[in-house]
Amino acid sequence: MTDEELSVVDPWIKRAHPGYPIVALQGDAFESALKVDAFPCQAVIDTEGKLTYSDGFGRTGSSGALNAAMAKAKKGPIWPKLFAKAADLITADQLDKSYAELRKVLDAGKELNPEEKAAGDKLKAHLEGAAAEALADAHVIFDAGRVYDAHERLAIFAAAKPPFPATPDCARLLGELEALPDYKAEMKAGEQYVAALELERTKKYSDAFKACKAIVKTFGSTKLANVAKAEAESLIERGLPGFDVNCDACRTGKRACDKHAEKVKL
């Protein structure tokens, strides 16, 4: 979730192809509803979904108010005890293990009360939906030339036991990726590209450019080389190589200032 302009958000989405939804806030309706006036923020939401506190993260005195709100908030399990383990595994991002735990409970034949049945149906829909979404994302990411990211998106769902409804299709697409002539090179290039994007995320733009350039040079025959080249060119176009996070002019202009700008080329 971001409050940055779409002119910043949309180009990043096209380059990065994130595997999760992005919300670009427009106006101040969301911030007003949550009483948020700064990012990042911290909040307390009780088990009934009621917002009991929100404030700018790290603000002087906020920890005391936060602790007080935590103490007052209604407590209790979010999920029926029967599904607590499956829910915890979702939180740990182990969706395949969560689905296995859920199926074990649902297939045991135990009669569920209305609350348990609703919770089980909700978890099942969420997990099976996550697998289907991963398959759809992987197709888009693969078409964009990012074999490594597509592979990472599919892996746990393709090998899941018991299988998700989408598991056969995930396994089929994964097999297509692994059959590519440059598969091993694509995977190595992909790992390096993830590192390059992390450098960019932390505003180490010169290092990010060098990392993308190295991918183009080392893995020139791969699909990822074209992606890395486009990202390197984007860094140049946005005037970011040389950006100094400690420079007021760089921060204000959101690009390397005349003093720090580096002349780079592919």
Protein backbone atom coordinates (compact mmCIF):
# COMPACT_ATOMS: atom_id res chain seq x y z
CA MET A 1 0.00 0.00 0.00
CA THR A 2 1.42 3.37 -0.97
CA ASP A 3 0.45 7.00 -1.20
CA GLU A 4 2.91 7.72 -4.00
CA GLU A 5 1.72 9.09 -7.34
CA LEU A 6 0.62 6.64 -10.04
CA SER A 7 3.39 8.04 -12.22
CA VAL A 8 5.79 6.39 -9.77
CA VAL A 9 3.77 3.28 -8.95
CA ASP A 10 2.72 2.09 -12.42
CA PRO A 11 6.23 1.99 -13.98
CA TRP A 12 7.49 0.03 -10.97
CA ILE A 13 4.68 -2.52 -11.27
CA LYS A 14 5.48 -3.00 -14.98
CA ARG A 15 9.15 -3.56 -14.18
CA ALA A 16 8.90 -5.63 -11.01
CA HIS A 17 5.73 -7.70 -11.70
CA PRO A 18 5.01 -8.15 -7.97
CA GLY A 19 3.09 -11.28 -7.05
CA TYR A 20 0.73 -9.44 -4.72
CA PRO A 21 -1.90 -6.69 -5.04
CA ILE A 22 -0.80 -3.05 -4.92
CA VAL A 23 -3.09 -0.33 -3.59
CA ALA A 24 -2.27 3.25 -4.55
CA LEU A 25 -4.08 5.59 -2.20
CA GLN A 26 -5.86 8.53 -3.80
CA GLY A 27 -6.97 11.45 -1.67
CA ASP A 28 -6.99 11.03 2.10
CA ALA A 29 -10.12 8.91 2.69
CA PHE A 30 -8.14 5.85 3.84
CA GLU A 31 -5.80 7.83 6.08
CA SER A 32 -8.75 9.73 7.55
CA ALA A 33 -10.67 6.54 8.31
CA LEU A 34 -7.70 5.05 10.14
CA LYS A 35 -6.53 8.38 11.58
CA VAL A 36 -3.16 7.87 9.88
CA ASP A 37 -1.08 10.98 9.23
CA ALA A 38 2.30 9.39 8.51
CA PHE A 39 3.88 6.27 7.05
CA PRO A 40 4.80 3.77 8.32
CA CYS A 41 2.06 3.58 10.95
CA GLN A 42 1.11 1.17 13.71
CA ALA A 43 -2.38 0.11 14.67
CA VAL A 44 -4.34 -2.24 16.91
CA ILE A 45 -7.26 -4.14 15.37
CA ASP A 46 -9.12 -6.49 17.70
CA THR A 47 -10.46 -9.93 16.83
CA GLU A 48 -13.78 -8.46 15.69
CA GLY A 49 -11.98 -6.21 13.19
CA LYS A 50 -12.48 -3.05 15.27
CA LEU A 51 -9.73 -0.43 15.02
CA THR A 52 -8.85 0.56 18.57
CA TYR A 53 -5.70 2.60 17.95
CA SER A 54 -3.52 4.01 15.18
CA ASP A 55 -0.56 6.35 15.16
CA GLY A 56 2.64 7.19 13.34
CA PHE A 57 5.25 4.51 14.01
CA GLY A 58 8.03 5.54 16.38
CA ARG A 59 6.39 8.81 17.47
CA THR A 60 7.47 9.96 20.92
CA GLY A 61 5.12 8.50 23.51
CA SER A 62 3.37 6.23 21.02
CA SER A 63 4.59 3.02 22.64
CA GLY A 64 2.66 3.76 25.84
CA ALA A 65 -0.56 4.47 23.97
CA LEU A 66 -0.03 1.38 21.85
CA ASN A 67 0.41 -0.84 24.90
CA ALA A 68 -2.71 0.67 26.49
CA ALA A 69 -4.73 -0.03 23.35
CA MET A 70 -3.43 -3.61 23.25
CA ALA A 71 -4.56 -4.09 26.85
CA LYS A 72 -8.06 -2.75 26.14
CA ALA A 73 -8.64 -4.55 22.83
CA LYS A 74 -10.94 -7.56 22.87
CA LYS A 75 -8.84 -10.70 22.80
CA GLY A 76 -9.48 -14.23 21.71
CA PRO A 77 -8.67 -16.64 18.92
CA ILE A 78 -9.32 -15.40 15.40
CA TRP A 79 -9.97 -18.95 14.21
CA PRO A 80 -11.71 -21.89 15.90
CA LYS A 81 -9.20 -24.07 17.74
CA LEU A 82 -9.76 -26.84 15.20
CA PHE A 83 -8.13 -24.71 12.48
CA ALA A 84 -5.56 -22.82 14.57
CA LYS A 85 -2.61 -24.83 13.24
CA ALA A 86 -3.66 -24.37 9.61
CA ALA A 87 -4.07 -20.63 10.19
CA ASP A 88 -0.66 -20.37 11.88
CA LEU A 89 0.97 -22.07 8.90
CA ILE A 90 -0.57 -19.46 6.60
CA THR A 91 0.99 -16.76 8.77
CA ALA A 92 4.33 -18.56 8.39
CA ASP A 93 3.82 -18.54 4.59
CA GLN A 94 3.77 -22.34 4.46
CA LEU A 95 0.63 -22.59 2.37
CA ASP A 96 1.23 -26.16 1.22
CA LYS A 97 1.56 -27.37 4.82
CA SER A 98 -1.46 -25.31 5.82
CA TYR A 99 -3.55 -26.94 3.10
CA ALA A 100 -2.38 -30.40 4.19
CA GLU A 101 -3.37 -29.62 7.78
CA LEU A 102 -6.72 -28.24 6.68
CA ARG A 103 -7.48 -31.26 4.50
CA LYS A 104 -6.60 -33.56 7.39
CA VAL A 105 -9.20 -31.84 9.58
CA LEU A 106 -11.88 -31.61 6.88
CA ASP A 107 -11.40 -35.18 5.68
CA ALA A 108 -11.54 -36.64 9.21
CA GLY A 109 -15.34 -36.72 9.04
CA LYS A 110 -15.82 -34.80 12.29
CA GLU A 111 -19.14 -32.98 12.47
CA LEU A 112 -18.48 -29.24 12.49
CA ASN A 113 -20.58 -26.60 14.15
CA PRO A 114 -21.68 -23.60 12.01
CA GLU A 115 -18.74 -21.45 13.15
CA GLU A 116 -16.22 -24.20 12.40
CA LYS A 117 -17.77 -24.98 9.02
CA ALA A 118 -17.69 -21.29 8.01
CA ALA A 119 -14.07 -21.01 9.10
CA GLY A 120 -13.08 -24.20 7.28
CA ASP A 121 -14.77 -23.07 4.09
CA LYS A 122 -13.07 -19.69 4.33
CA LEU A 123 -9.62 -21.21 4.82
CA LYS A 124 -10.15 -23.67 1.99
CA ALA A 125 -11.27 -20.94 -0.40
CA HIS A 126 -8.31 -18.76 0.57
CA LEU A 127 -5.70 -21.48 0.13
CA GLU A 128 -7.09 -22.85 -3.12
CA GLY A 129 -7.45 -19.29 -4.38
CA ALA A 130 -3.81 -18.60 -3.50
CA ALA A 131 -2.71 -21.57 -5.61
CA ALA A 132 -4.83 -20.47 -8.56
CA GLU A 133 -3.50 -16.93 -8.22
CA ALA A 134 0.08 -18.21 -8.15
CA LEU A 135 -0.54 -20.08 -11.41
CA ALA A 136 -1.99 -16.98 -13.08
CA ASP A 137 0.87 -14.83 -11.77
CA ALA A 138 3.45 -17.33 -12.99
CA HIS A 139 2.07 -17.20 -16.53
CA VAL A 140 2.30 -13.39 -16.55
CA ILE A 141 5.77 -13.37 -14.99
CA PHE A 142 7.04 -16.02 -17.40
CA ASP A 143 5.67 -14.09 -20.38
CA ALA A 144 7.59 -11.07 -19.07
CA GLY A 145 10.82 -13.08 -19.25
CA ARG A 146 11.30 -13.77 -15.55
CA VAL A 147 11.74 -17.54 -15.41
CA TYR A 148 13.24 -17.57 -11.91
CA ASP A 149 10.36 -15.62 -10.38
CA ALA A 150 7.79 -17.78 -12.17
CA HIS A 151 9.53 -20.89 -10.85
CA GLU A 152 9.56 -19.53 -7.29
CA ARG A 153 5.88 -18.65 -7.54
CA LEU A 154 4.91 -22.18 -8.63
CA ALA A 155 7.24 -24.43 -6.65
CA ILE A 156 5.32 -25.15 -3.44
CA PHE A 157 1.98 -25.51 -5.20
CA ALA A 158 3.34 -27.81 -7.92
CA ALA A 159 4.69 -30.25 -5.35
CA ALA A 160 1.91 -29.94 -2.76
CA LYS A 161 0.64 -33.12 -1.10
CA PRO A 162 -2.29 -33.38 -0.94
CA PRO A 163 -2.60 -31.45 -4.20
CA PHE A 164 -4.46 -28.19 -4.63
CA PRO A 165 -6.96 -28.14 -7.50
CA ALA A 166 -4.41 -26.01 -9.36
CA THR A 167 -1.47 -28.34 -8.60
CA PRO A 168 -1.54 -30.29 -11.92
CA ASP A 169 -1.46 -27.06 -13.95
CA CYS A 170 1.25 -25.61 -11.70
CA ALA A 171 3.34 -28.76 -12.18
CA ARG A 172 2.77 -28.65 -15.94
CA LEU A 173 3.97 -25.04 -16.23
CA LEU A 174 6.90 -25.75 -13.93
CA GLY A 175 7.90 -28.61 -16.22
CA GLU A 176 7.82 -26.23 -19.20
CA LEU A 177 10.14 -23.85 -17.38
CA GLU A 178 12.58 -26.59 -16.45
CA ALA A 179 12.65 -27.82 -20.05
CA LEU A 180 13.89 -24.48 -21.37
CA PRO A 181 17.34 -24.77 -23.05
CA ASP A 182 18.76 -21.98 -20.85
CA TYR A 183 16.89 -23.00 -17.69
CA LYS A 184 19.95 -23.16 -15.40
CA ALA A 185 21.24 -19.84 -16.71
CA GLU A 186 17.80 -18.29 -16.30
CA MET A 187 17.71 -19.38 -12.67
CA LYS A 188 21.18 -18.00 -11.90
CA ALA A 189 20.37 -14.75 -13.69
CA GLY A 190 17.08 -14.53 -11.82
CA GLU A 191 18.79 -14.84 -8.44
CA GLN A 192 21.13 -12.02 -9.38
CA TYR A 193 18.24 -9.89 -10.61
CA VAL A 194 16.42 -10.27 -7.31
CA ALA A 195 19.58 -8.99 -5.62
CA ALA A 196 19.74 -6.07 -8.08
CA LEU A 197 16.15 -5.09 -7.28
CA GLU A 198 16.95 -5.20 -3.58
CA LEU A 199 19.84 -2.81 -4.19
CA GLU A 200 17.43 -0.52 -6.03
CA ARG A 201 14.88 -0.78 -3.24
CA THR A 202 17.47 0.38 -0.74
CA LYS A 203 18.41 3.29 -3.05
CA LYS A 204 21.83 1.88 -3.96
CA TYR A 205 21.15 2.77 -7.56
CA SER A 206 24.72 2.70 -8.86
CA ASP A 207 25.20 -0.82 -7.52
CA ALA A 208 21.80 -1.84 -8.91
CA PHE A 209 22.83 -0.57 -12.35
CA LYS A 210 26.12 -2.47 -12.20
CA ALA A 211 24.29 -5.63 -11.16
CA CYS A 212 21.85 -5.35 -14.07
CA LYS A 213 24.69 -4.65 -16.49
CA ALA A 214 26.55 -7.73 -15.23
CA ILE A 215 23.47 -9.87 -15.89
CA VAL A 216 23.26 -8.57 -19.46
CA LYS A 217 26.93 -9.34 -20.01
CA THR A 218 27.03 -12.76 -18.33
CA PHE A 219 23.64 -14.13 -19.31
CA GLY A 220 23.10 -12.45 -22.67
CA SER A 221 21.24 -15.38 -24.21
CA THR A 222 18.57 -15.53 -21.50
CA LYS A 223 15.12 -13.94 -21.35
CA LEU A 224 16.17 -12.29 -18.11
CA ALA A 225 18.96 -10.39 -19.86
CA ASN A 226 16.33 -8.33 -21.68
CA VAL A 227 14.55 -7.61 -18.40
CA ALA A 228 17.80 -6.55 -16.72
CA LYS A 229 18.70 -4.37 -19.71
CA ALA A 230 15.34 -2.60 -19.54
CA GLU A 231 15.80 -1.99 -15.82
CA ALA A 232 19.32 -0.62 -16.32
CA GLU A 233 18.03 1.71 -19.03
CA SER A 234 15.23 2.82 -16.72
CA LEU A 235 17.75 3.70 -14.01
CA ILE A 236 19.63 5.85 -16.51
CA GLU A 237 16.46 7.53 -17.77
CA ARG A 238 15.41 8.37 -14.23
CA GLY A 239 18.84 9.84 -13.48
CA LEU A 240 19.41 7.60 -10.48
CA PRO A 241 23.04 6.32 -10.78
CA GLY A 242 25.08 8.31 -8.26
CA PHE A 243 22.06 9.16 -6.06
CA ASP A 244 23.26 9.98 -2.54
CA VAL A 245 20.74 9.37 0.24
CA ASN A 246 22.61 11.87 2.43
CA CYS A 247 22.30 14.67 -0.14
CA ASP A 248 19.36 17.07 0.25
CA ALA A 249 19.42 17.93 -3.46
CA CYS A 250 19.24 14.25 -4.46
CA ARG A 251 16.39 13.55 -2.06
CA THR A 252 14.44 16.64 -3.08
CA GLY A 253 14.84 15.97 -6.79
CA LYS A 254 14.35 12.21 -6.40
CA ARG A 255 17.33 11.69 -8.72
CA ALA A 256 21.08 12.18 -8.56
CA CYS A 257 21.92 15.88 -8.39
CA ASP A 258 24.50 17.51 -10.68
CA LYS A 259 27.18 16.99 -8.05
CA HIS A 260 26.60 13.26 -7.57
CA ALA A 261 25.24 12.12 -10.94
CA GLU A 262 27.30 9.36 -12.56
CA LYS A 263 27.64 8.96 -16.30
CA VAL A 264 27.02 5.29 -17.00
CA LYS A 265 26.24 3.27 -20.10
CA LEU A 266 25.41 -0.31 -20.94
